[in-house]
Amino acid sequence: MEQAKRRIRICLICVVTAAVLLGLLYYVMSQRHSVSEENGTLVSSRMAEGGNDGDNGSDFIY
């Protein structure tokens, strides 16, 4: 019984370690491909005039 618990514990530790390593690898690989403003994500735009609140020059993130 103790031997089975030990094997399960070792197996779970290996699975968690592999998941962490794969997550770190994914993060590092995604950081190599930096996002530029040309992709259209999180572009900040200033309103030239108008707006709902009457505040000219408000920043909006689309």
C-alpha atoms as a PDB file:
ATOM      1  CA  MET A   1       0.000   0.000   0.000  1.00  0.00           C
ATOM      2  CA  GLU A   2       2.774   2.439   0.881  1.00  0.00           C
ATOM      3  CA  GLN A   3       4.610   1.537  -2.324  1.00  0.00           C
ATOM      4  CA  ALA A   4       1.506   2.426  -4.399  1.00  0.00           C
ATOM      5  CA  LYS A   5       1.118   5.788  -2.634  1.00  0.00           C
ATOM      6  CA  ARG A   6       4.756   6.564  -3.277  1.00  0.00           C
ATOM      7  CA  ARG A   7       4.415   5.735  -6.998  1.00  0.00           C
ATOM      8  CA  ILE A   8       1.311   7.915  -7.286  1.00  0.00           C
ATOM      9  CA  ARG A   9       3.087  10.786  -5.525  1.00  0.00           C
ATOM     10  CA  ILE A  10       6.116  10.493  -7.839  1.00  0.00           C
ATOM     11  CA  CYS A  11       3.850  10.342 -10.888  1.00  0.00           C
ATOM     12  CA  LEU A  12       1.935  13.452  -9.804  1.00  0.00           C
ATOM     13  CA  ILE A  13       5.147  15.350  -9.129  1.00  0.00           C
ATOM     14  CA  CYS A  14       6.393  14.447 -12.621  1.00  0.00           C
ATOM     15  CA  VAL A  15       3.116  15.574 -14.223  1.00  0.00           C
ATOM     16  CA  VAL A  16       3.113  18.899 -12.367  1.00  0.00           C
ATOM     17  CA  THR A  17       6.787  19.506 -13.181  1.00  0.00           C
ATOM     18  CA  ALA A  18       6.173  18.768 -16.865  1.00  0.00           C
ATOM     19  CA  ALA A  19       3.187  21.139 -16.905  1.00  0.00           C
ATOM     20  CA  VAL A  20       5.235  23.952 -15.337  1.00  0.00           C
ATOM     21  CA  LEU A  21       8.109  23.428 -17.763  1.00  0.00           C
ATOM     22  CA  LEU A  22       5.770  23.391 -20.765  1.00  0.00           C
ATOM     23  CA  GLY A  23       4.087  26.561 -19.490  1.00  0.00           C
ATOM     24  CA  LEU A  24       7.437  28.310 -19.142  1.00  0.00           C
ATOM     25  CA  LEU A  25       8.470  27.147 -22.608  1.00  0.00           C
ATOM     26  CA  TYR A  26       5.203  28.450 -24.069  1.00  0.00           C
ATOM     27  CA  TYR A  27       5.657  31.794 -22.302  1.00  0.00           C
ATOM     28  CA  VAL A  28       9.227  32.227 -23.522  1.00  0.00           C
ATOM     29  CA  MET A  29       8.312  31.290 -27.088  1.00  0.00           C
ATOM     30  CA  SER A  30       5.349  33.699 -27.095  1.00  0.00           C
ATOM     31  CA  GLN A  31       7.563  36.548 -25.879  1.00  0.00           C
ATOM     32  CA  ARG A  32       9.916  36.091 -28.841  1.00  0.00           C
ATOM     33  CA  HIS A  33       7.106  37.053 -31.194  1.00  0.00           C
ATOM     34  CA  SER A  34       6.471  40.562 -29.941  1.00  0.00           C
ATOM     35  CA  VAL A  35       3.197  42.230 -30.796  1.00  0.00           C
ATOM     36  CA  SER A  36       3.436  45.435 -32.778  1.00  0.00           C
ATOM     37  CA  GLU A  37       0.844  48.163 -33.094  1.00  0.00           C
ATOM     38  CA  GLU A  38       0.245  47.118 -36.681  1.00  0.00           C
ATOM     39  CA  ASN A  39      -1.473  43.932 -35.506  1.00  0.00           C
ATOM     40  CA  GLY A  40      -4.423  45.963 -34.224  1.00  0.00           C
ATOM     41  CA  THR A  41      -4.412  44.788 -30.626  1.00  0.00           C
ATOM     42  CA  LEU A  42      -4.715  47.247 -27.758  1.00  0.00           C
ATOM     43  CA  VAL A  43      -4.382  50.329 -29.916  1.00  0.00           C
ATOM     44  CA  SER A  44      -4.723  53.606 -28.076  1.00  0.00           C
ATOM     45  CA  SER A  45      -6.548  56.358 -29.925  1.00  0.00           C
ATOM     46  CA  ARG A  46      -7.190  59.990 -29.018  1.00  0.00           C
ATOM     47  CA  MET A  47     -10.487  61.579 -29.903  1.00  0.00           C
ATOM     48  CA  ALA A  48      -9.972  64.737 -31.908  1.00  0.00           C
ATOM     49  CA  GLU A  49     -13.310  66.241 -30.905  1.00  0.00           C
ATOM     50  CA  GLY A  50     -16.609  65.257 -29.419  1.00  0.00           C
ATOM     51  CA  GLY A  51     -17.330  62.280 -27.224  1.00  0.00           C
ATOM     52  CA  ASN A  52     -20.094  61.354 -24.875  1.00  0.00           C
ATOM     53  CA  ASP A  53     -18.692  63.093 -21.826  1.00  0.00           C
ATOM     54  CA  GLY A  54     -17.603  66.255 -23.625  1.00  0.00           C
ATOM     55  CA  ASP A  55     -13.976  65.715 -22.615  1.00  0.00           C
ATOM     56  CA  ASN A  56     -11.817  66.367 -25.659  1.00  0.00           C
ATOM     57  CA  GLY A  57      -8.681  64.288 -25.968  1.00  0.00           C
ATOM     58  CA  SER A  58      -9.836  61.266 -23.993  1.00  0.00           C
ATOM     59  CA  ASP A  59      -7.877  58.056 -24.407  1.00  0.00           C
ATOM     60  CA  PHE A  60      -9.708  54.935 -25.482  1.00  0.00           C
ATOM     61  CA  ILE A  61      -8.350  51.421 -25.925  1.00  0.00           C
ATOM     62  CA  TYR A  62     -10.047  49.383 -28.593  1.00  0.00           C
END
